[in-house]
Amino acid sequence: MSTTVTYKGSTLTTATNQTRVLETAGKYMEDDVTIVDVTAASSLQSKSVTPTESQQVVEPDSGYDGLSSVTVGMIPSNYGRITWDGSVLTVS
């Protein structure tokens, strides 16, 4: 994946799986702007979870930068049925 930086319709730089420095020091701002293509360096994990009666926090395991997807499974058949008729909550 590449990252393109444009300004007023002109391409300033394109970074593909690398870090680029825009040489702007003394021209437009005090220092150079560094753009890091983080997508190339990211290590993402896919996870699956099954609903429970308690809140769950789904986080990436050690060694991963984030989650690419989380699949939430169906409610297990041994869970009771919850119905709401507008005034009464029934668990069967």
PDB file of N, CA and C in Angstrom:
ATOM      1  N   MET A   1       0.837  -1.167   0.000  1.00  0.00           N
ATOM      2  CA  MET A   1       0.000   0.000   0.000  1.00  0.00           C
ATOM      3  C   MET A   1       0.881   1.229   0.000  1.00  0.00           C
ATOM      4  N   SER A   2       0.437   2.265  -0.674  1.00  0.00           N
ATOM      5  CA  SER A   2       1.230   3.485  -0.703  1.00  0.00           C
ATOM      6  C   SER A   2       0.426   4.646  -0.140  1.00  0.00           C
ATOM      7  N   THR A   3       1.137   5.645   0.307  1.00  0.00           N
ATOM      8  CA  THR A   3       0.535   6.856   0.837  1.00  0.00           C
ATOM      9  C   THR A   3       1.010   8.018  -0.022  1.00  0.00           C
ATOM     10  N   THR A   4       0.076   8.811  -0.527  1.00  0.00           N
ATOM     11  CA  THR A   4       0.416   9.967  -1.347  1.00  0.00           C
ATOM     12  C   THR A   4       0.065  11.233  -0.589  1.00  0.00           C
ATOM     13  N   VAL A   5       0.965  12.175  -0.572  1.00  0.00           N
ATOM     14  CA  VAL A   5       0.737  13.453   0.089  1.00  0.00           C
ATOM     15  C   VAL A   5       0.625  14.517  -0.994  1.00  0.00           C
ATOM     16  N   THR A   6      -0.505  15.223  -0.979  1.00  0.00           N
ATOM     17  CA  THR A   6      -0.713  16.279  -1.973  1.00  0.00           C
ATOM     18  C   THR A   6      -0.944  17.607  -1.277  1.00  0.00           C
ATOM     19  N   TYR A   7      -0.658  18.675  -2.000  1.00  0.00           N
ATOM     20  CA  TYR A   7      -0.897  20.020  -1.510  1.00  0.00           C
ATOM     21  C   TYR A   7      -1.335  20.869  -2.690  1.00  0.00           C
ATOM     22  N   LYS A   8      -2.528  21.423  -2.588  1.00  0.00           N
ATOM     23  CA  LYS A   8      -3.104  22.260  -3.641  1.00  0.00           C
ATOM     24  C   LYS A   8      -3.054  21.586  -5.002  1.00  0.00           C
ATOM     25  N   GLY A   9      -3.392  20.297  -5.019  1.00  0.00           N
ATOM     26  CA  GLY A   9      -3.463  19.559  -6.270  1.00  0.00           C
ATOM     27  C   GLY A   9      -2.149  19.001  -6.777  1.00  0.00           C
ATOM     28  N   SER A  10      -1.063  19.309  -6.128  1.00  0.00           N
ATOM     29  CA  SER A  10       0.241  18.791  -6.553  1.00  0.00           C
ATOM     30  C   SER A  10       0.694  17.691  -5.606  1.00  0.00           C
ATOM     31  N   THR A  11       1.244  16.620  -6.163  1.00  0.00           N
ATOM     32  CA  THR A  11       1.775  15.540  -5.338  1.00  0.00           C
ATOM     33  C   THR A  11       3.125  15.965  -4.791  1.00  0.00           C
ATOM     34  N   LEU A  12       3.236  15.956  -3.466  1.00  0.00           N
ATOM     35  CA  LEU A  12       4.507  16.306  -2.829  1.00  0.00           C
ATOM     36  C   LEU A  12       5.411  15.088  -2.735  1.00  0.00           C
ATOM     37  N   THR A  13       4.834  13.938  -2.406  1.00  0.00           N
ATOM     38  CA  THR A  13       5.619  12.714  -2.312  1.00  0.00           C
ATOM     39  C   THR A  13       4.686  11.517  -2.254  1.00  0.00           C
ATOM     40  N   THR A  14       5.209  10.383  -2.603  1.00  0.00           N
ATOM     41  CA  THR A  14       4.498   9.114  -2.457  1.00  0.00           C
ATOM     42  C   THR A  14       5.419   8.165  -1.717  1.00  0.00           C
ATOM     43  N   ALA A  15       4.889   7.558  -0.663  1.00  0.00           N
ATOM     44  CA  ALA A  15       5.667   6.608   0.133  1.00  0.00           C
ATOM     45  C   ALA A  15       5.052   5.226  -0.028  1.00  0.00           C
ATOM     46  N   THR A  16       5.854   4.273  -0.424  1.00  0.00           N
ATOM     47  CA  THR A  16       5.398   2.896  -0.556  1.00  0.00           C
ATOM     48  C   THR A  16       6.213   2.032   0.392  1.00  0.00           C
ATOM     49  N   ASN A  17       5.555   1.558   1.449  1.00  0.00           N
ATOM     50  CA  ASN A  17       6.198   0.698   2.443  1.00  0.00           C
ATOM     51  C   ASN A  17       7.484   1.297   2.986  1.00  0.00           C
ATOM     52  N   GLN A  18       7.451   2.593   3.218  1.00  0.00           N
ATOM     53  CA  GLN A  18       8.655   3.243   3.719  1.00  0.00           C
ATOM     54  C   GLN A  18       8.301   4.547   4.415  1.00  0.00           C
ATOM     55  N   THR A  19       9.293   5.161   5.006  1.00  0.00           N
ATOM     56  CA  THR A  19       9.144   6.467   5.626  1.00  0.00           C
ATOM     57  C   THR A  19       9.753   7.512   4.699  1.00  0.00           C
ATOM     58  N   ARG A  20       9.052   8.627   4.540  1.00  0.00           N
ATOM     59  CA  ARG A  20       9.560   9.704   3.688  1.00  0.00           C
ATOM     60  C   ARG A  20       9.621  10.987   4.509  1.00  0.00           C
ATOM     61  N   VAL A  21      10.527  11.873   4.156  1.00  0.00           N
ATOM     62  CA  VAL A  21      10.641  13.172   4.802  1.00  0.00           C
ATOM     63  C   VAL A  21      10.346  14.234   3.760  1.00  0.00           C
ATOM     64  N   LEU A  22       9.390  15.122   4.080  1.00  0.00           N
ATOM     65  CA  LEU A  22       9.129  16.268   3.223  1.00  0.00           C
ATOM     66  C   LEU A  22      10.083  17.372   3.643  1.00  0.00           C
ATOM     67  N   GLU A  23      10.886  17.839   2.741  1.00  0.00           N
ATOM     68  CA  GLU A  23      11.882  18.858   3.073  1.00  0.00           C
ATOM     69  C   GLU A  23      11.226  20.233   3.067  1.00  0.00           C
ATOM     70  N   THR A  24      10.596  20.534   4.205  1.00  0.00           N
ATOM     71  CA  THR A  24       9.861  21.791   4.345  1.00  0.00           C
ATOM     72  C   THR A  24      10.526  22.753   5.322  1.00  0.00           C
ATOM     73  N   ALA A  25      11.593  22.324   5.976  1.00  0.00           N
ATOM     74  CA  ALA A  25      12.247  23.156   6.981  1.00  0.00           C
ATOM     75  C   ALA A  25      12.665  24.491   6.375  1.00  0.00           C
ATOM     76  N   GLY A  26      12.258  25.566   7.020  1.00  0.00           N
ATOM     77  CA  GLY A  26      12.625  26.903   6.572  1.00  0.00           C
ATOM     78  C   GLY A  26      11.832  27.400   5.379  1.00  0.00           C
ATOM     79  N   LYS A  27      10.984  26.570   4.790  1.00  0.00           N
ATOM     80  CA  LYS A  27      10.211  26.978   3.624  1.00  0.00           C
ATOM     81  C   LYS A  27       8.764  27.256   4.010  1.00  0.00           C
ATOM     82  N   TYR A  28       8.137  26.280   4.634  1.00  0.00           N
ATOM     83  CA  TYR A  28       6.728  26.395   4.979  1.00  0.00           C
ATOM     84  C   TYR A  28       6.487  26.324   6.475  1.00  0.00           C
ATOM     85  N   MET A  29       7.371  25.657   7.182  1.00  0.00           N
ATOM     86  CA  MET A  29       7.245  25.484   8.624  1.00  0.00           C
ATOM     87  C   MET A  29       8.634  25.281   9.219  1.00  0.00           C
ATOM     88  N   GLU A  30       8.690  25.211  10.528  1.00  0.00           N
ATOM     89  CA  GLU A  30       9.977  25.154  11.209  1.00  0.00           C
ATOM     90  C   GLU A  30      10.784  23.899  10.903  1.00  0.00           C
ATOM     91  N   ASP A  31      10.132  22.764  10.835  1.00  0.00           N
ATOM     92  CA  ASP A  31      10.833  21.495  10.647  1.00  0.00           C
ATOM     93  C   ASP A  31      10.255  20.729   9.463  1.00  0.00           C
ATOM     94  N   ASP A  32      10.947  19.672   9.088  1.00  0.00           N
ATOM     95  CA  ASP A  32      10.444  18.783   8.053  1.00  0.00           C
ATOM     96  C   ASP A  32       9.257  17.996   8.586  1.00  0.00           C
ATOM     97  N   VAL A  33       8.404  17.555   7.689  1.00  0.00           N
ATOM     98  CA  VAL A  33       7.275  16.700   8.029  1.00  0.00           C
ATOM     99  C   VAL A  33       7.661  15.275   7.669  1.00  0.00           C
ATOM    100  N   THR A  34       7.524  14.354   8.612  1.00  0.00           N
ATOM    101  CA  THR A  34       7.823  12.955   8.351  1.00  0.00           C
ATOM    102  C   THR A  34       6.515  12.195   8.242  1.00  0.00           C
ATOM    103  N   ILE A  35       6.378  11.437   7.178  1.00  0.00           N
ATOM    104  CA  ILE A  35       5.176  10.629   6.962  1.00  0.00           C
ATOM    105  C   ILE A  35       5.597   9.172   6.985  1.00  0.00           C
ATOM    106  N   VAL A  36       4.966   8.406   7.850  1.00  0.00           N
ATOM    107  CA  VAL A  36       5.284   6.996   7.979  1.00  0.00           C
ATOM    108  C   VAL A  36       4.108   6.196   7.441  1.00  0.00           C
ATOM    109  N   ASP A  37       4.376   5.289   6.523  1.00  0.00           N
ATOM    110  CA  ASP A  37       3.351   4.416   5.980  1.00  0.00           C
ATOM    111  C   ASP A  37       3.137   3.293   6.979  1.00  0.00           C
ATOM    112  N   VAL A  38       2.250   3.525   7.952  1.00  0.00           N
ATOM    113  CA  VAL A  38       2.079   2.570   9.044  1.00  0.00           C
ATOM    114  C   VAL A  38       1.378   1.297   8.609  1.00  0.00           C
ATOM    115  N   THR A  39       0.657   1.339   7.510  1.00  0.00           N
ATOM    116  CA  THR A  39      -0.053   0.135   7.083  1.00  0.00           C
ATOM    117  C   THR A  39       0.911  -0.971   6.696  1.00  0.00           C
ATOM    118  N   ALA A  40       2.065  -0.614   6.194  1.00  0.00           N
ATOM    119  CA  ALA A  40       3.033  -1.626   5.776  1.00  0.00           C
ATOM    120  C   ALA A  40       3.668  -2.316   6.976  1.00  0.00           C
ATOM    121  N   ALA A  41       3.774  -1.594   8.083  1.00  0.00           N
ATOM    122  CA  ALA A  41       4.456  -2.142   9.243  1.00  0.00           C
ATOM    123  C   ALA A  41       3.492  -2.730  10.274  1.00  0.00           C
ATOM    124  N   SER A  42       2.206  -2.576  10.071  1.00  0.00           N
ATOM    125  CA  SER A  42       1.233  -3.045  11.053  1.00  0.00           C
ATOM    126  C   SER A  42       1.056  -4.553  10.995  1.00  0.00           C
ATOM    127  N   SER A  43       0.931  -5.125  12.158  1.00  0.00           N
ATOM    128  CA  SER A  43       0.651  -6.550  12.269  1.00  0.00           C
ATOM    129  C   SER A  43      -0.732  -6.681  12.900  1.00  0.00           C
ATOM    130  N   LEU A  44      -1.733  -7.036  12.069  1.00  0.00           N
ATOM    131  CA  LEU A  44      -3.108  -7.093  12.542  1.00  0.00           C
ATOM    132  C   LEU A  44      -3.554  -8.537  12.746  1.00  0.00           C
ATOM    133  N   GLN A  45      -4.461  -8.711  13.690  1.00  0.00           N
ATOM    134  CA  GLN A  45      -4.941 -10.034  14.053  1.00  0.00           C
ATOM    135  C   GLN A  45      -6.456 -10.105  13.845  1.00  0.00           C
ATOM    136  N   SER A  46      -6.934 -11.261  13.448  1.00  0.00           N
ATOM    137  CA  SER A  46      -8.362 -11.533  13.333  1.00  0.00           C
ATOM    138  C   SER A  46      -8.764 -12.401  14.520  1.00  0.00           C
ATOM    139  N   LYS A  47      -9.907 -12.084  15.137  1.00  0.00           N
ATOM    140  CA  LYS A  47     -10.349 -12.849  16.304  1.00  0.00           C
ATOM    141  C   LYS A  47     -11.817 -13.213  16.165  1.00  0.00           C
ATOM    142  N   SER A  48     -12.213 -14.255  16.891  1.00  0.00           N
ATOM    143  CA  SER A  48     -13.608 -14.678  16.978  1.00  0.00           C
ATOM    144  C   SER A  48     -13.992 -14.747  18.452  1.00  0.00           C
ATOM    145  N   VAL A  49     -15.218 -14.340  18.759  1.00  0.00           N
ATOM    146  CA  VAL A  49     -15.720 -14.414  20.133  1.00  0.00           C
ATOM    147  C   VAL A  49     -17.129 -14.985  20.119  1.00  0.00           C
ATOM    148  N   THR A  50     -17.512 -15.578  21.232  1.00  0.00           N
ATOM    149  CA  THR A  50     -18.864 -16.098  21.429  1.00  0.00           C
ATOM    150  C   THR A  50     -19.534 -15.240  22.493  1.00  0.00           C
ATOM    151  N   PRO A  51     -20.765 -14.808  22.260  1.00  0.00           N
ATOM    152  CA  PRO A  51     -21.451 -13.990  23.269  1.00  0.00           C
ATOM    153  C   PRO A  51     -21.541 -14.705  24.616  1.00  0.00           C
ATOM    154  N   THR A  52     -21.438 -13.926  25.678  1.00  0.00           N
ATOM    155  CA  THR A  52     -21.601 -14.450  27.036  1.00  0.00           C
ATOM    156  C   THR A  52     -22.561 -13.526  27.771  1.00  0.00           C
ATOM    157  N   GLU A  53     -22.808 -13.830  29.026  1.00  0.00           N
ATOM    158  CA  GLU A  53     -23.691 -12.984  29.831  1.00  0.00           C
ATOM    159  C   GLU A  53     -22.959 -11.760  30.371  1.00  0.00           C
ATOM    160  N   SER A  54     -21.670 -11.709  30.182  1.00  0.00           N
ATOM    161  CA  SER A  54     -20.866 -10.589  30.670  1.00  0.00           C
ATOM    162  C   SER A  54     -20.273  -9.818  29.499  1.00  0.00           C
ATOM    163  N   GLN A  55     -19.978  -8.564  29.746  1.00  0.00           N
ATOM    164  CA  GLN A  55     -19.313  -7.739  28.745  1.00  0.00           C
ATOM    165  C   GLN A  55     -17.932  -8.317  28.464  1.00  0.00           C
ATOM    166  N   GLN A  56     -17.518  -8.259  27.211  1.00  0.00           N
ATOM    167  CA  GLN A  56     -16.198  -8.736  26.820  1.00  0.00           C
ATOM    168  C   GLN A  56     -15.434  -7.601  26.159  1.00  0.00           C
ATOM    169  N   VAL A  57     -14.150  -7.537  26.422  1.00  0.00           N
ATOM    170  CA  VAL A  57     -13.274  -6.601  25.743  1.00  0.00           C
ATOM    171  C   VAL A  57     -12.371  -7.421  24.834  1.00  0.00           C
ATOM    172  N   VAL A  58     -12.425  -7.130  23.549  1.00  0.00           N
ATOM    173  CA  VAL A  58     -11.638  -7.891  22.579  1.00  0.00           C
ATOM    174  C   VAL A  58     -10.427  -7.045  22.202  1.00  0.00           C
ATOM    175  N   GLU A  59      -9.265  -7.536  22.515  1.00  0.00           N
ATOM    176  CA  GLU A  59      -8.020  -6.830  22.233  1.00  0.00           C
ATOM    177  C   GLU A  59      -7.067  -7.764  21.501  1.00  0.00           C
ATOM    178  N   PRO A  60      -6.127  -7.192  20.763  1.00  0.00           N
ATOM    179  CA  PRO A  60      -5.141  -8.041  20.079  1.00  0.00           C
ATOM    180  C   PRO A  60      -4.204  -8.701  21.085  1.00  0.00           C
ATOM    181  N   ASP A  61      -3.733  -9.880  20.723  1.00  0.00           N
ATOM    182  CA  ASP A  61      -2.750 -10.567  21.555  1.00  0.00           C
ATOM    183  C   ASP A  61      -1.411  -9.832  21.487  1.00  0.00           C
ATOM    184  N   SER A  62      -0.539 -10.166  22.388  1.00  0.00           N
ATOM    185  CA  SER A  62       0.807  -9.596  22.404  1.00  0.00           C
ATOM    186  C   SER A  62       1.486  -9.869  21.056  1.00  0.00           C
ATOM    187  N   GLY A  63       2.163  -8.882  20.537  1.00  0.00           N
ATOM    188  CA  GLY A  63       2.858  -9.034  19.261  1.00  0.00           C
ATOM    189  C   GLY A  63       2.066  -8.505  18.075  1.00  0.00           C
ATOM    190  N   TYR A  64       0.791  -8.113  18.306  1.00  0.00           N
ATOM    191  CA  TYR A  64      -0.039  -7.541  17.250  1.00  0.00           C
ATOM    192  C   TYR A  64      -0.282  -6.060  17.541  1.00  0.00           C
ATOM    193  N   ASP A  65      -0.402  -5.270  16.462  1.00  0.00           N
ATOM    194  CA  ASP A  65      -0.636  -3.833  16.602  1.00  0.00           C
ATOM    195  C   ASP A  65      -2.116  -3.491  16.727  1.00  0.00           C
ATOM    196  N   GLY A  66      -2.987  -4.379  16.274  1.00  0.00           N
ATOM    197  CA  GLY A  66      -4.418  -4.107  16.320  1.00  0.00           C
ATOM    198  C   GLY A  66      -5.198  -5.276  15.761  1.00  0.00           C
ATOM    199  N   LEU A  67      -6.494  -5.050  15.597  1.00  0.00           N
ATOM    200  CA  LEU A  67      -7.380  -6.083  15.075  1.00  0.00           C
ATOM    201  C   LEU A  67      -7.820  -5.727  13.666  1.00  0.00           C
ATOM    202  N   SER A  68      -7.768  -6.691  12.769  1.00  0.00           N
ATOM    203  CA  SER A  68      -8.248  -6.463  11.400  1.00  0.00           C
ATOM    204  C   SER A  68      -9.736  -6.777  11.319  1.00  0.00           C
ATOM    205  N   SER A  69     -10.207  -7.714  12.136  1.00  0.00           N
ATOM    206  CA  SER A  69     -11.630  -8.045  12.178  1.00  0.00           C
ATOM    207  C   SER A  69     -11.940  -8.797  13.459  1.00  0.00           C
ATOM    208  N   VAL A  70     -13.207  -8.705  13.873  1.00  0.00           N
ATOM    209  CA  VAL A  70     -13.701  -9.466  15.010  1.00  0.00           C
ATOM    210  C   VAL A  70     -15.012 -10.099  14.567  1.00  0.00           C
ATOM    211  N   THR A  71     -15.078 -11.418  14.647  1.00  0.00           N
ATOM    212  CA  THR A  71     -16.297 -12.145  14.294  1.00  0.00           C
ATOM    213  C   THR A  71     -17.000 -12.539  15.581  1.00  0.00           C
ATOM    214  N   VAL A  72     -18.264 -12.137  15.699  1.00  0.00           N
ATOM    215  CA  VAL A  72     -19.056 -12.490  16.875  1.00  0.00           C
ATOM    216  C   VAL A  72     -19.967 -13.642  16.485  1.00  0.00           C
ATOM    217  N   GLY A  73     -19.795 -14.770  17.177  1.00  0.00           N
ATOM    218  CA  GLY A  73     -20.569 -15.964  16.864  1.00  0.00           C
ATOM    219  C   GLY A  73     -22.023 -15.842  17.285  1.00  0.00           C
ATOM    220  N   MET A  74     -22.798 -16.833  16.900  1.00  0.00           N
ATOM    221  CA  MET A  74     -24.215 -16.890  17.271  1.00  0.00           C
ATOM    222  C   MET A  74     -24.347 -17.154  18.765  1.00  0.00           C
ATOM    223  N   ILE A  75     -25.459 -16.731  19.329  1.00  0.00           N
ATOM    224  CA  ILE A  75     -25.745 -17.033  20.728  1.00  0.00           C
ATOM    225  C   ILE A  75     -25.920 -18.542  20.848  1.00  0.00           C
ATOM    226  N   PRO A  76     -25.199 -19.189  21.751  1.00  0.00           N
ATOM    227  CA  PRO A  76     -25.307 -20.645  21.883  1.00  0.00           C
ATOM    228  C   PRO A  76     -26.745 -21.080  22.180  1.00  0.00           C
ATOM    229  N   SER A  77     -27.137 -22.237  21.699  1.00  0.00           N
ATOM    230  CA  SER A  77     -28.502 -22.732  21.861  1.00  0.00           C
ATOM    231  C   SER A  77     -28.865 -22.997  23.318  1.00  0.00           C
ATOM    232  N   ASN A  78     -27.867 -23.173  24.195  1.00  0.00           N
ATOM    233  CA  ASN A  78     -28.176 -23.420  25.602  1.00  0.00           C
ATOM    234  C   ASN A  78     -28.472 -22.129  26.369  1.00  0.00           C
ATOM    235  N   TYR A  79     -28.388 -20.990  25.720  1.00  0.00           N
ATOM    236  CA  TYR A  79     -28.779 -19.730  26.340  1.00  0.00           C
ATOM    237  C   TYR A  79     -30.292 -19.627  26.273  1.00  0.00           C
ATOM    238  N   GLY A  80     -30.902 -19.018  27.264  1.00  0.00           N
ATOM    239  CA  GLY A  80     -32.353 -18.840  27.275  1.00  0.00           C
ATOM    240  C   GLY A  80     -32.797 -17.833  26.222  1.00  0.00           C
ATOM    241  N   ARG A  81     -34.061 -17.841  25.929  1.00  0.00           N
ATOM    242  CA  ARG A  81     -34.652 -16.890  24.996  1.00  0.00           C
ATOM    243  C   ARG A  81     -35.147 -15.681  25.783  1.00  0.00           C
ATOM    244  N   ILE A  82     -34.843 -14.502  25.296  1.00  0.00           N
ATOM    245  CA  ILE A  82     -35.287 -13.280  25.935  1.00  0.00           C
ATOM    246  C   ILE A  82     -36.315 -12.628  25.018  1.00  0.00           C
ATOM    247  N   THR A  83     -37.469 -12.309  25.570  1.00  0.00           N
ATOM    248  CA  THR A  83     -38.505 -11.630  24.790  1.00  0.00           C
ATOM    249  C   THR A  83     -38.944 -10.379  25.538  1.00  0.00           C
ATOM    250  N   TRP A  84     -39.398  -9.421  24.793  1.00  0.00           N
ATOM    251  CA  TRP A  84     -39.846  -8.153  25.360  1.00  0.00           C
ATOM    252  C   TRP A  84     -41.161  -7.795  24.691  1.00  0.00           C
ATOM    253  N   ASP A  85     -42.223  -7.648  25.478  1.00  0.00           N
ATOM    254  CA  ASP A  85     -43.520  -7.327  24.885  1.00  0.00           C
ATOM    255  C   ASP A  85     -43.852  -5.847  25.001  1.00  0.00           C
ATOM    256  N   GLY A  86     -42.869  -5.056  25.369  1.00  0.00           N
ATOM    257  CA  GLY A  86     -43.074  -3.619  25.522  1.00  0.00           C
ATOM    258  C   GLY A  86     -43.163  -3.206  26.966  1.00  0.00           C
ATOM    259  N   SER A  87     -43.480  -4.153  27.847  1.00  0.00           N
ATOM    260  CA  SER A  87     -43.566  -3.806  29.270  1.00  0.00           C
ATOM    261  C   SER A  87     -42.972  -4.888  30.171  1.00  0.00           C
ATOM    262  N   VAL A  88     -42.873  -6.125  29.658  1.00  0.00           N
ATOM    263  CA  VAL A  88     -42.370  -7.224  30.476  1.00  0.00           C
ATOM    264  C   VAL A  88     -41.230  -7.936  29.736  1.00  0.00           C
ATOM    265  N   LEU A  89     -40.121  -8.136  30.451  1.00  0.00           N
ATOM    266  CA  LEU A  89     -38.992  -8.888  29.909  1.00  0.00           C
ATOM    267  C   LEU A  89     -39.108 -10.309  30.420  1.00  0.00           C
ATOM    268  N   THR A  90     -39.133 -11.276  29.486  1.00  0.00           N
ATOM    269  CA  THR A  90     -39.287 -12.678  29.862  1.00  0.00           C
ATOM    270  C   THR A  90     -38.064 -13.460  29.409  1.00  0.00           C
ATOM    271  N   VAL A  91     -37.498 -14.267  30.317  1.00  0.00           N
ATOM    272  CA  VAL A  91     -36.381 -15.148  29.989  1.00  0.00           C
ATOM    273  C   VAL A  91     -36.892 -16.573  30.121  1.00  0.00           C
ATOM    274  N   SER A  92     -36.780 -17.341  29.041  1.00  0.00           N
ATOM    275  CA  SER A  92     -37.271 -18.719  29.088  1.00  0.00           C
ATOM    276  C   SER A  92     -36.169 -19.699  28.765  1.00  0.00           C
TER     277      SER A  92
END
